[in-house]
Amino acid sequence: MAIAVTRHNKIAPRWPTNVAVVGDRWLVSPDLTGYSPPSGNVTLGAIAVLDTSTKSETEYWSSSIGNLNRIIPEGIGSKAWGVWQASMSVSARRLWWIQPSTGASDDIGVPSNGTYTQPLLVGGEIWLISRTPGASAIERFDLSSESYLSTYSGLPDIQSAAWDGGSYVYVHHQSSNITRITVSSGAHTSISGSWTNTSLGGTSPLWHDGRMWSFLGGYWKVFDPSVPDLTTTGPGVGSYTYQPALGADGDIHAVSEVAGVPHICSIRPSDMSYRSDTLSTSTARTTTVVAANGMLWSPAREPLIR
């Protein structure tokens, strides 16, 4: 079945990864320029903003923003927060925020070094996950005081992480391991269980209904800490999604591609039923989907599809 979509020729990053949704209205997506992006109409390293109510777009760029941008999927108040790194080998990094409604922005230094960083919202803190092989660490930034807290270190190689909304953060590793981190102390415990094909955990898994959801290798990977167990289930379509989304219909959605044809893959948490549908558009590679203003949105390098 093909799902009809509307193509909007708006500014979108040449190689998008994560997208922040601010106020259920604004989409904020930084340009990930460290991976040989195709030519396009967005400035190298810029931040693309789309107002889903008016379909108007804005590009923000600053000489202080570097190349390898990552952004927290959840908007924090009226702002989107992210982190940039000058290159995979250069340690200079900055934590930044932008207010999409006004264009106001600021950037803040990061205290230590790391080769790769994923930002994660954990209560009133931003966790910056430094994916350094054999020495992964988490740098914590307190939003209320805008200051850094103590660093949690000594962690295995981190692939992805999700906060459960309470006391713990769950981490996928490069190997077939899952670790639980206590938010208040940084204590970490390897969780024993049945892990099926967990070598990749996804970039920004979604926490919903007491479980962690990722879409990788064309399959849904669902971690349930209460068992504990990780389930791998259909549809066997496409490859991966950087960031799955909880839709207004209560289903969780991912976008993927098969032989150049974009698909939307959905799963219903209540009964684990899943489906896959093609999108009725010819577009560039789609790897991220978000929910805003009652619809699903996916930046496809450029333009944006809805």
C-alpha atoms as a PDB file:
ATOM      1  CA  MET A   1       0.000   0.000   0.000  1.00  0.00           C
ATOM      2  CA  ALA A   2       1.288   3.467  -0.868  1.00  0.00           C
ATOM      3  CA  ILE A   3       0.724   6.328   1.537  1.00  0.00           C
ATOM      4  CA  ALA A   4       0.209   9.722  -0.108  1.00  0.00           C
ATOM      5  CA  VAL A   5       2.672  12.357   1.031  1.00  0.00           C
ATOM      6  CA  THR A   6       3.065  16.030   0.179  1.00  0.00           C
ATOM      7  CA  ARG A   7       6.484  17.210  -0.913  1.00  0.00           C
ATOM      8  CA  HIS A   8       7.581  20.587   0.447  1.00  0.00           C
ATOM      9  CA  ASN A   9      10.541  22.217  -1.262  1.00  0.00           C
ATOM     10  CA  LYS A  10      11.898  23.703   1.895  1.00  0.00           C
ATOM     11  CA  ILE A  11      15.377  23.974   3.329  1.00  0.00           C
ATOM     12  CA  ALA A  12      16.477  20.678   4.805  1.00  0.00           C
ATOM     13  CA  PRO A  13      19.963  19.546   5.803  1.00  0.00           C
ATOM     14  CA  ARG A  14      22.029  17.881   3.118  1.00  0.00           C
ATOM     15  CA  TRP A  15      22.649  14.943   5.430  1.00  0.00           C
ATOM     16  CA  PRO A  16      20.218  15.065   8.363  1.00  0.00           C
ATOM     17  CA  THR A  17      20.402  12.856  11.418  1.00  0.00           C
ATOM     18  CA  ASN A  18      18.301  13.740  14.418  1.00  0.00           C
ATOM     19  CA  VAL A  19      15.522  16.316  14.438  1.00  0.00           C
ATOM     20  CA  ALA A  20      14.265  18.225  17.470  1.00  0.00           C
ATOM     21  CA  VAL A  21      10.583  19.068  17.861  1.00  0.00           C
ATOM     22  CA  VAL A  22       9.973  22.275  19.808  1.00  0.00           C
ATOM     23  CA  GLY A  23       6.486  23.118  21.028  1.00  0.00           C
ATOM     24  CA  ASP A  24       4.896  20.489  18.739  1.00  0.00           C
ATOM     25  CA  ARG A  25       5.430  23.025  15.967  1.00  0.00           C
ATOM     26  CA  TRP A  26       9.053  23.751  15.105  1.00  0.00           C
ATOM     27  CA  LEU A  27      11.390  21.208  13.490  1.00  0.00           C
ATOM     28  CA  VAL A  28      15.070  21.886  14.075  1.00  0.00           C
ATOM     29  CA  SER A  29      17.622  19.811  12.177  1.00  0.00           C
ATOM     30  CA  PRO A  30      21.380  20.434  12.026  1.00  0.00           C
ATOM     31  CA  ASP A  31      23.473  19.574   9.009  1.00  0.00           C
ATOM     32  CA  LEU A  32      25.730  16.583   9.596  1.00  0.00           C
ATOM     33  CA  THR A  33      28.528  17.619   7.253  1.00  0.00           C
ATOM     34  CA  GLY A  34      31.212  15.160   8.235  1.00  0.00           C
ATOM     35  CA  TYR A  35      29.933  12.368   5.992  1.00  0.00           C
ATOM     36  CA  SER A  36      30.418  13.598   2.397  1.00  0.00           C
ATOM     37  CA  PRO A  37      26.943  15.120   1.941  1.00  0.00           C
ATOM     38  CA  PRO A  38      25.576  15.782  -1.546  1.00  0.00           C
ATOM     39  CA  SER A  39      25.442  19.282  -2.955  1.00  0.00           C
ATOM     40  CA  GLY A  40      22.422  21.276  -1.895  1.00  0.00           C
ATOM     41  CA  ASN A  41      21.000  24.628  -0.949  1.00  0.00           C
ATOM     42  CA  VAL A  42      21.733  24.557   2.767  1.00  0.00           C
ATOM     43  CA  THR A  43      24.963  26.134   4.012  1.00  0.00           C
ATOM     44  CA  LEU A  44      27.688  23.813   5.249  1.00  0.00           C
ATOM     45  CA  GLY A  45      27.059  23.121   8.929  1.00  0.00           C
ATOM     46  CA  ALA A  46      23.845  25.170   9.085  1.00  0.00           C
ATOM     47  CA  ILE A  47      20.743  24.499  11.183  1.00  0.00           C
ATOM     48  CA  ALA A  48      17.480  24.183   9.250  1.00  0.00           C
ATOM     49  CA  VAL A  49      14.231  25.206  10.947  1.00  0.00           C
ATOM     50  CA  LEU A  50      10.728  24.504   9.629  1.00  0.00           C
ATOM     51  CA  ASP A  51       7.535  25.958  11.084  1.00  0.00           C
ATOM     52  CA  THR A  52       5.021  23.148  10.523  1.00  0.00           C
ATOM     53  CA  SER A  53       2.085  25.529  10.960  1.00  0.00           C
ATOM     54  CA  THR A  54       3.060  27.972   8.206  1.00  0.00           C
ATOM     55  CA  LYS A  55       5.446  25.717   6.209  1.00  0.00           C
ATOM     56  CA  SER A  56       7.970  28.571   6.333  1.00  0.00           C
ATOM     57  CA  GLU A  57      11.628  27.700   6.618  1.00  0.00           C
ATOM     58  CA  THR A  58      14.711  29.416   7.977  1.00  0.00           C
ATOM     59  CA  GLU A  59      18.390  28.587   7.846  1.00  0.00           C
ATOM     60  CA  TYR A  60      20.654  29.536  10.741  1.00  0.00           C
ATOM     61  CA  TRP A  61      24.415  29.447  10.470  1.00  0.00           C
ATOM     62  CA  SER A  62      27.271  30.580  12.682  1.00  0.00           C
ATOM     63  CA  SER A  63      31.020  30.410  12.238  1.00  0.00           C
ATOM     64  CA  SER A  64      31.191  29.023  15.788  1.00  0.00           C
ATOM     65  CA  ILE A  65      29.173  25.932  14.874  1.00  0.00           C
ATOM     66  CA  GLY A  66      31.241  22.987  13.693  1.00  0.00           C
ATOM     67  CA  ASN A  67      30.595  20.122  11.334  1.00  0.00           C
ATOM     68  CA  LEU A  68      29.427  17.031  13.209  1.00  0.00           C
ATOM     69  CA  ASN A  69      26.145  18.162  14.702  1.00  0.00           C
ATOM     70  CA  ARG A  70      23.844  16.096  16.910  1.00  0.00           C
ATOM     71  CA  ILE A  71      20.616  17.320  18.465  1.00  0.00           C
ATOM     72  CA  ILE A  72      18.365  16.193  21.316  1.00  0.00           C
ATOM     73  CA  PRO A  73      15.067  14.962  19.808  1.00  0.00           C
ATOM     74  CA  GLU A  74      12.949  16.595  22.524  1.00  0.00           C
ATOM     75  CA  GLY A  75      12.619  20.336  22.615  1.00  0.00           C
ATOM     76  CA  ILE A  76      13.450  21.802  26.028  1.00  0.00           C
ATOM     77  CA  GLY A  77      11.035  24.634  26.721  1.00  0.00           C
ATOM     78  CA  SER A  78      11.243  26.962  23.723  1.00  0.00           C
ATOM     79  CA  LYS A  79      14.706  25.763  22.701  1.00  0.00           C
ATOM     80  CA  ALA A  80      16.412  22.952  20.847  1.00  0.00           C
ATOM     81  CA  TRP A  81      19.746  21.808  22.266  1.00  0.00           C
ATOM     82  CA  GLY A  82      22.567  20.065  20.445  1.00  0.00           C
ATOM     83  CA  VAL A  83      26.310  19.509  20.347  1.00  0.00           C
ATOM     84  CA  TRP A  84      28.869  19.919  17.571  1.00  0.00           C
ATOM     85  CA  GLN A  85      32.354  18.584  17.040  1.00  0.00           C
ATOM     86  CA  ALA A  86      34.816  19.982  14.534  1.00  0.00           C
ATOM     87  CA  SER A  87      35.767  16.555  13.166  1.00  0.00           C
ATOM     88  CA  MET A  88      35.977  12.909  14.147  1.00  0.00           C
ATOM     89  CA  SER A  89      39.579  13.429  15.293  1.00  0.00           C
ATOM     90  CA  VAL A  90      39.445  16.939  16.728  1.00  0.00           C
ATOM     91  CA  SER A  91      38.372  17.303  20.337  1.00  0.00           C
ATOM     92  CA  ALA A  92      36.973  20.849  20.142  1.00  0.00           C
ATOM     93  CA  ARG A  93      33.276  20.644  20.912  1.00  0.00           C
ATOM     94  CA  ARG A  94      30.487  23.018  21.876  1.00  0.00           C
ATOM     95  CA  LEU A  95      27.064  22.538  23.401  1.00  0.00           C
ATOM     96  CA  TRP A  96      24.587  24.878  21.730  1.00  0.00           C
ATOM     97  CA  TRP A  97      20.939  25.895  21.818  1.00  0.00           C
ATOM     98  CA  ILE A  98      18.651  27.726  19.432  1.00  0.00           C
ATOM     99  CA  GLN A  99      15.196  29.209  19.956  1.00  0.00           C
ATOM    100  CA  PRO A 100      13.451  28.535  16.619  1.00  0.00           C
ATOM    101  CA  SER A 101      10.687  31.095  17.121  1.00  0.00           C
ATOM    102  CA  THR A 102      13.174  33.982  17.415  1.00  0.00           C
ATOM    103  CA  GLY A 103      16.515  32.703  16.129  1.00  0.00           C
ATOM    104  CA  ALA A 104      18.205  33.482  19.462  1.00  0.00           C
ATOM    105  CA  SER A 105      21.090  31.117  20.184  1.00  0.00           C
ATOM    106  CA  ASP A 106      24.142  30.498  22.323  1.00  0.00           C
ATOM    107  CA  ASP A 107      26.945  27.989  22.617  1.00  0.00           C
ATOM    108  CA  ILE A 108      28.737  26.659  25.682  1.00  0.00           C
ATOM    109  CA  GLY A 109      32.060  24.870  25.974  1.00  0.00           C
ATOM    110  CA  VAL A 110      32.335  21.164  26.729  1.00  0.00           C
ATOM    111  CA  PRO A 111      34.851  20.414  29.519  1.00  0.00           C
ATOM    112  CA  SER A 112      36.607  17.312  28.227  1.00  0.00           C
ATOM    113  CA  ASN A 113      37.421  15.475  25.034  1.00  0.00           C
ATOM    114  CA  GLY A 114      35.774  12.655  23.132  1.00  0.00           C
ATOM    115  CA  THR A 115      35.676  11.336  19.606  1.00  0.00           C
ATOM    116  CA  TYR A 116      31.891  11.236  19.188  1.00  0.00           C
ATOM    117  CA  THR A 117      28.958  12.527  21.197  1.00  0.00           C
ATOM    118  CA  GLN A 118      25.265  11.759  21.495  1.00  0.00           C
ATOM    119  CA  PRO A 119      23.206  14.256  23.522  1.00  0.00           C
ATOM    120  CA  LEU A 120      20.468  12.830  25.738  1.00  0.00           C
ATOM    121  CA  LEU A 121      17.860  14.608  27.880  1.00  0.00           C
ATOM    122  CA  VAL A 122      17.751  13.078  31.369  1.00  0.00           C
ATOM    123  CA  GLY A 123      15.387  15.006  33.632  1.00  0.00           C
ATOM    124  CA  GLY A 124      16.897  18.445  34.192  1.00  0.00           C
ATOM    125  CA  GLU A 125      20.236  17.416  32.726  1.00  0.00           C
ATOM    126  CA  ILE A 126      21.777  16.967  29.292  1.00  0.00           C
ATOM    127  CA  TRP A 127      24.038  13.945  29.030  1.00  0.00           C
ATOM    128  CA  LEU A 128      26.807  14.083  26.428  1.00  0.00           C
ATOM    129  CA  ILE A 129      27.893  10.549  25.613  1.00  0.00           C
ATOM    130  CA  SER A 130      31.496  10.339  24.449  1.00  0.00           C
ATOM    131  CA  ARG A 131      31.797   7.203  22.369  1.00  0.00           C
ATOM    132  CA  THR A 132      35.492   6.561  22.864  1.00  0.00           C
ATOM    133  CA  PRO A 133      36.341   2.866  22.308  1.00  0.00           C
ATOM    134  CA  GLY A 134      37.229   1.267  25.620  1.00  0.00           C
ATOM    135  CA  ALA A 135      36.721   4.468  27.616  1.00  0.00           C
ATOM    136  CA  SER A 136      33.232   5.819  27.044  1.00  0.00           C
ATOM    137  CA  ALA A 137      32.117   8.551  29.410  1.00  0.00           C
ATOM    138  CA  ILE A 138      29.069  10.721  30.094  1.00  0.00           C
ATOM    139  CA  GLU A 139      29.457  14.433  30.700  1.00  0.00           C
ATOM    140  CA  ARG A 140      26.459  15.948  32.498  1.00  0.00           C
ATOM    141  CA  PHE A 141      25.173  19.494  32.041  1.00  0.00           C
ATOM    142  CA  ASP A 142      22.661  20.951  34.515  1.00  0.00           C
ATOM    143  CA  LEU A 143      20.046  23.008  32.671  1.00  0.00           C
ATOM    144  CA  SER A 144      18.903  25.084  35.657  1.00  0.00           C
ATOM    145  CA  SER A 145      22.370  26.389  36.534  1.00  0.00           C
ATOM    146  CA  GLU A 146      23.894  25.945  33.051  1.00  0.00           C
ATOM    147  CA  SER A 147      26.949  24.310  34.582  1.00  0.00           C
ATOM    148  CA  TYR A 148      28.652  20.949  34.285  1.00  0.00           C
ATOM    149  CA  LEU A 149      28.334  18.253  36.923  1.00  0.00           C
ATOM    150  CA  SER A 150      30.691  15.367  37.631  1.00  0.00           C
ATOM    151  CA  THR A 151      31.493  13.044  34.714  1.00  0.00           C
ATOM    152  CA  TYR A 152      30.389   9.403  34.740  1.00  0.00           C
ATOM    153  CA  SER A 153      33.255   7.349  33.336  1.00  0.00           C
ATOM    154  CA  GLY A 154      34.503   3.777  33.025  1.00  0.00           C
ATOM    155  CA  LEU A 155      31.699   2.702  30.694  1.00  0.00           C
ATOM    156  CA  PRO A 156      31.958   0.164  27.851  1.00  0.00           C
ATOM    157  CA  ASP A 157      31.689   1.285  24.223  1.00  0.00           C
ATOM    158  CA  ILE A 158      28.326   3.049  23.961  1.00  0.00           C
ATOM    159  CA  GLN A 159      26.226   2.717  20.815  1.00  0.00           C
ATOM    160  CA  SER A 160      22.991   4.367  21.980  1.00  0.00           C
ATOM    161  CA  ALA A 161      21.042   5.202  25.108  1.00  0.00           C
ATOM    162  CA  ALA A 162      17.544   6.028  26.348  1.00  0.00           C
ATOM    163  CA  TRP A 163      16.243   7.452  29.621  1.00  0.00           C
ATOM    164  CA  ASP A 164      13.299   5.598  31.188  1.00  0.00           C
ATOM    165  CA  GLY A 165      11.793   8.804  32.588  1.00  0.00           C
ATOM    166  CA  GLY A 166      12.786   7.815  36.126  1.00  0.00           C
ATOM    167  CA  SER A 167      15.866   6.440  37.827  1.00  0.00           C
ATOM    168  CA  TYR A 168      17.730   4.746  34.993  1.00  0.00           C
ATOM    169  CA  VAL A 169      19.326   5.179  31.590  1.00  0.00           C
ATOM    170  CA  TYR A 170      19.661   2.040  29.470  1.00  0.00           C
ATOM    171  CA  VAL A 171      22.616   1.713  27.127  1.00  0.00           C
ATOM    172  CA  HIS A 172      23.245  -0.454  24.070  1.00  0.00           C
ATOM    173  CA  HIS A 173      26.883  -1.292  23.413  1.00  0.00           C
ATOM    174  CA  GLN A 174      28.842  -2.197  20.304  1.00  0.00           C
ATOM    175  CA  SER A 175      28.884  -5.757  21.618  1.00  0.00           C
ATOM    176  CA  SER A 176      25.729  -7.674  22.553  1.00  0.00           C
ATOM    177  CA  ASN A 177      25.372  -6.056  25.960  1.00  0.00           C
ATOM    178  CA  ILE A 178      22.908  -3.756  27.663  1.00  0.00           C
ATOM    179  CA  THR A 179      23.884  -1.713  30.709  1.00  0.00           C
ATOM    180  CA  ARG A 180      21.673   0.073  33.215  1.00  0.00           C
ATOM    181  CA  ILE A 181      23.028   3.359  34.586  1.00  0.00           C
ATOM    182  CA  THR A 182      21.629   4.841  37.799  1.00  0.00           C
ATOM    183  CA  VAL A 183      20.929   8.501  37.068  1.00  0.00           C
ATOM    184  CA  SER A 184      21.721   9.799  40.558  1.00  0.00           C
ATOM    185  CA  SER A 185      25.078   8.079  41.021  1.00  0.00           C
ATOM    186  CA  GLY A 186      26.406   6.868  37.679  1.00  0.00           C
ATOM    187  CA  ALA A 187      26.625   3.303  38.983  1.00  0.00           C
ATOM    188  CA  HIS A 188      26.285   0.918  36.059  1.00  0.00           C
ATOM    189  CA  THR A 189      25.258  -2.723  35.927  1.00  0.00           C
ATOM    190  CA  SER A 190      25.412  -5.104  32.991  1.00  0.00           C
ATOM    191  CA  ILE A 191      21.985  -6.695  32.482  1.00  0.00           C
ATOM    192  CA  SER A 192      21.742 -10.420  31.832  1.00  0.00           C
ATOM    193  CA  GLY A 193      19.091 -11.552  29.398  1.00  0.00           C
ATOM    194  CA  SER A 194      18.361 -12.827  25.927  1.00  0.00           C
ATOM    195  CA  TRP A 195      19.863 -10.450  23.375  1.00  0.00           C
ATOM    196  CA  THR A 196      19.112 -11.309  19.762  1.00  0.00           C
ATOM    197  CA  ASN A 197      21.140  -9.463  17.123  1.00  0.00           C
ATOM    198  CA  THR A 198      21.863  -6.452  19.318  1.00  0.00           C
ATOM    199  CA  SER A 199      25.203  -5.450  17.849  1.00  0.00           C
ATOM    200  CA  LEU A 200      23.663  -2.147  16.779  1.00  0.00           C
ATOM    201  CA  GLY A 201      21.215  -0.318  18.989  1.00  0.00           C
ATOM    202  CA  GLY A 202      20.195   2.666  16.906  1.00  0.00           C
ATOM    203  CA  THR A 203      21.244   6.291  17.263  1.00  0.00           C
ATOM    204  CA  SER A 204      18.382   7.720  19.332  1.00  0.00           C
ATOM    205  CA  PRO A 205      16.085   4.948  20.544  1.00  0.00           C
ATOM    206  CA  LEU A 206      12.622   5.894  21.770  1.00  0.00           C
ATOM    207  CA  TRP A 207      11.474   5.105  25.306  1.00  0.00           C
ATOM    208  CA  HIS A 208       7.744   4.392  25.445  1.00  0.00           C
ATOM    209  CA  ASP A 209       5.398   2.127  27.386  1.00  0.00           C
ATOM    210  CA  GLY A 210       8.200   0.984  29.697  1.00  0.00           C
ATOM    211  CA  ARG A 211      10.356  -0.220  26.791  1.00  0.00           C
ATOM    212  CA  MET A 212      13.180   0.979  24.543  1.00  0.00           C
ATOM    213  CA  TRP A 213      12.409   0.960  20.805  1.00  0.00           C
ATOM    214  CA  SER A 214      14.890   1.009  17.909  1.00  0.00           C
ATOM    215  CA  PHE A 215      14.614   0.227  14.208  1.00  0.00           C
ATOM    216  CA  LEU A 216      17.698  -1.459  12.758  1.00  0.00           C
ATOM    217  CA  GLY A 217      18.435  -3.761   9.863  1.00  0.00           C
ATOM    218  CA  GLY A 218      14.806  -3.531   8.766  1.00  0.00           C
ATOM    219  CA  TYR A 219      13.519  -4.843  12.103  1.00  0.00           C
ATOM    220  CA  TRP A 220      12.123  -3.453  15.328  1.00  0.00           C
ATOM    221  CA  LYS A 221      14.320  -4.099  18.374  1.00  0.00           C
ATOM    222  CA  VAL A 222      12.393  -3.726  21.610  1.00  0.00           C
ATOM    223  CA  PHE A 223      14.103  -3.943  24.982  1.00  0.00           C
ATOM    224  CA  ASP A 224      11.908  -4.695  28.023  1.00  0.00           C
ATOM    225  CA  PRO A 225      13.864  -4.251  31.287  1.00  0.00           C
ATOM    226  CA  SER A 226      11.144  -5.928  33.372  1.00  0.00           C
ATOM    227  CA  VAL A 227      11.937  -9.365  31.870  1.00  0.00           C
ATOM    228  CA  PRO A 228      14.706  -8.502  30.845  1.00  0.00           C
ATOM    229  CA  ASP A 229      14.527  -9.349  27.182  1.00  0.00           C
ATOM    230  CA  LEU A 230      15.119  -7.855  23.749  1.00  0.00           C
ATOM    231  CA  THR A 231      12.690  -8.794  20.997  1.00  0.00           C
ATOM    232  CA  THR A 232      13.461  -8.552  17.287  1.00  0.00           C
ATOM    233  CA  THR A 233      10.378  -8.485  15.083  1.00  0.00           C
ATOM    234  CA  GLY A 234       9.373  -7.637  11.443  1.00  0.00           C
ATOM    235  CA  PRO A 235       8.868  -6.288   8.870  1.00  0.00           C
ATOM    236  CA  GLY A 236      12.304  -6.968   7.387  1.00  0.00           C
ATOM    237  CA  VAL A 237      12.172  -3.832   5.221  1.00  0.00           C
ATOM    238  CA  GLY A 238      15.002  -1.414   4.569  1.00  0.00           C
ATOM    239  CA  SER A 239      17.860  -0.726   6.904  1.00  0.00           C
ATOM    240  CA  TYR A 240      17.674   1.637   9.863  1.00  0.00           C
ATOM    241  CA  THR A 241      16.170   4.778  11.355  1.00  0.00           C
ATOM    242  CA  TYR A 242      18.198   7.292  13.322  1.00  0.00           C
ATOM    243  CA  GLN A 243      15.163   8.299  15.343  1.00  0.00           C
ATOM    244  CA  PRO A 244      11.742   6.572  15.547  1.00  0.00           C
ATOM    245  CA  ALA A 245       8.662   8.624  16.443  1.00  0.00           C
ATOM    246  CA  LEU A 246       5.508   8.113  18.506  1.00  0.00           C
ATOM    247  CA  GLY A 247       2.630   9.199  16.287  1.00  0.00           C
ATOM    248  CA  ALA A 248      -0.711  10.718  17.217  1.00  0.00           C
ATOM    249  CA  ASP A 249      -2.250   7.322  16.391  1.00  0.00           C
ATOM    250  CA  GLY A 250      -0.355   5.681  19.264  1.00  0.00           C
ATOM    251  CA  ASP A 251       1.876   3.679  16.908  1.00  0.00           C
ATOM    252  CA  ILE A 252       5.658   3.999  16.704  1.00  0.00           C
ATOM    253  CA  HIS A 253       6.988   4.845  13.244  1.00  0.00           C
ATOM    254  CA  ALA A 254      10.283   4.555  11.393  1.00  0.00           C
ATOM    255  CA  VAL A 255      11.351   5.488   7.878  1.00  0.00           C
ATOM    256  CA  SER A 256      13.623   3.372   5.733  1.00  0.00           C
ATOM    257  CA  GLU A 257      14.505   2.738   2.117  1.00  0.00           C
ATOM    258  CA  VAL A 258      14.428  -0.300  -0.169  1.00  0.00           C
ATOM    259  CA  ALA A 259      16.110   0.004  -3.568  1.00  0.00           C
ATOM    260  CA  GLY A 260      15.611   3.757  -3.528  1.00  0.00           C
ATOM    261  CA  VAL A 261      11.931   3.553  -2.539  1.00  0.00           C
ATOM    262  CA  PRO A 262      11.108   5.186   0.812  1.00  0.00           C
ATOM    263  CA  HIS A 263       8.989   3.203   3.265  1.00  0.00           C
ATOM    264  CA  ILE A 264       7.312   3.953   6.560  1.00  0.00           C
ATOM    265  CA  CYS A 265       7.408   1.063   9.030  1.00  0.00           C
ATOM    266  CA  SER A 266       5.058   1.116  12.005  1.00  0.00           C
ATOM    267  CA  ILE A 267       4.490  -0.977  15.114  1.00  0.00           C
ATOM    268  CA  ARG A 268       1.656  -0.931  17.652  1.00  0.00           C
ATOM    269  CA  PRO A 269       2.955  -1.252  21.238  1.00  0.00           C
ATOM    270  CA  SER A 270      -0.309  -2.722  22.564  1.00  0.00           C
ATOM    271  CA  ASP A 271      -0.129  -5.946  20.536  1.00  0.00           C
ATOM    272  CA  MET A 272       3.242  -5.695  18.699  1.00  0.00           C
ATOM    273  CA  SER A 273       1.516  -5.823  15.302  1.00  0.00           C
ATOM    274  CA  TYR A 274       3.516  -4.157  12.565  1.00  0.00           C
ATOM    275  CA  ARG A 275       3.144  -3.008   8.991  1.00  0.00           C
ATOM    276  CA  SER A 276       5.197  -1.447   6.202  1.00  0.00           C
ATOM    277  CA  ASP A 277       3.967   0.976   3.530  1.00  0.00           C
ATOM    278  CA  THR A 278       5.649   2.741   0.631  1.00  0.00           C
ATOM    279  CA  LEU A 279       5.606   6.507   0.382  1.00  0.00           C
ATOM    280  CA  SER A 280       4.231   7.890  -2.858  1.00  0.00           C
ATOM    281  CA  THR A 281       7.182  10.080  -3.655  1.00  0.00           C
ATOM    282  CA  SER A 282      10.591   9.784  -5.227  1.00  0.00           C
ATOM    283  CA  THR A 283      13.012  11.271  -2.779  1.00  0.00           C
ATOM    284  CA  ALA A 284      16.494  11.150  -1.374  1.00  0.00           C
ATOM    285  CA  ARG A 285      17.436   8.841   1.453  1.00  0.00           C
ATOM    286  CA  THR A 286      15.177   9.113   4.507  1.00  0.00           C
ATOM    287  CA  THR A 287      16.539   8.066   7.886  1.00  0.00           C
ATOM    288  CA  THR A 288      14.678  10.132  10.476  1.00  0.00           C
ATOM    289  CA  VAL A 289      11.013  10.711  11.297  1.00  0.00           C
ATOM    290  CA  VAL A 290       9.361  12.929  13.916  1.00  0.00           C
ATOM    291  CA  ALA A 291       5.801  13.687  14.995  1.00  0.00           C
ATOM    292  CA  ALA A 292       4.612  17.296  15.128  1.00  0.00           C
ATOM    293  CA  ASN A 293       1.380  19.198  14.604  1.00  0.00           C
ATOM    294  CA  GLY A 294      -0.598  15.955  14.195  1.00  0.00           C
ATOM    295  CA  MET A 295       1.575  14.645  11.337  1.00  0.00           C
ATOM    296  CA  LEU A 296       4.755  12.703  10.694  1.00  0.00           C
ATOM    297  CA  TRP A 297       7.672  14.565   9.123  1.00  0.00           C
ATOM    298  CA  SER A 298      10.908  13.322   7.576  1.00  0.00           C
ATOM    299  CA  PRO A 299      13.833  15.396   6.279  1.00  0.00           C
ATOM    300  CA  ALA A 300      15.131  13.708   3.144  1.00  0.00           C
ATOM    301  CA  ARG A 301      18.303  15.729   2.741  1.00  0.00           C
ATOM    302  CA  GLU A 302      16.250  18.111   0.654  1.00  0.00           C
ATOM    303  CA  PRO A 303      13.463  18.813   0.239  1.00  0.00           C
ATOM    304  CA  LEU A 304      11.316  17.932   3.251  1.00  0.00           C
ATOM    305  CA  ILE A 305       8.519  15.380   2.834  1.00  0.00           C
ATOM    306  CA  ARG A 306       5.391  15.124   4.905  1.00  0.00           C
END
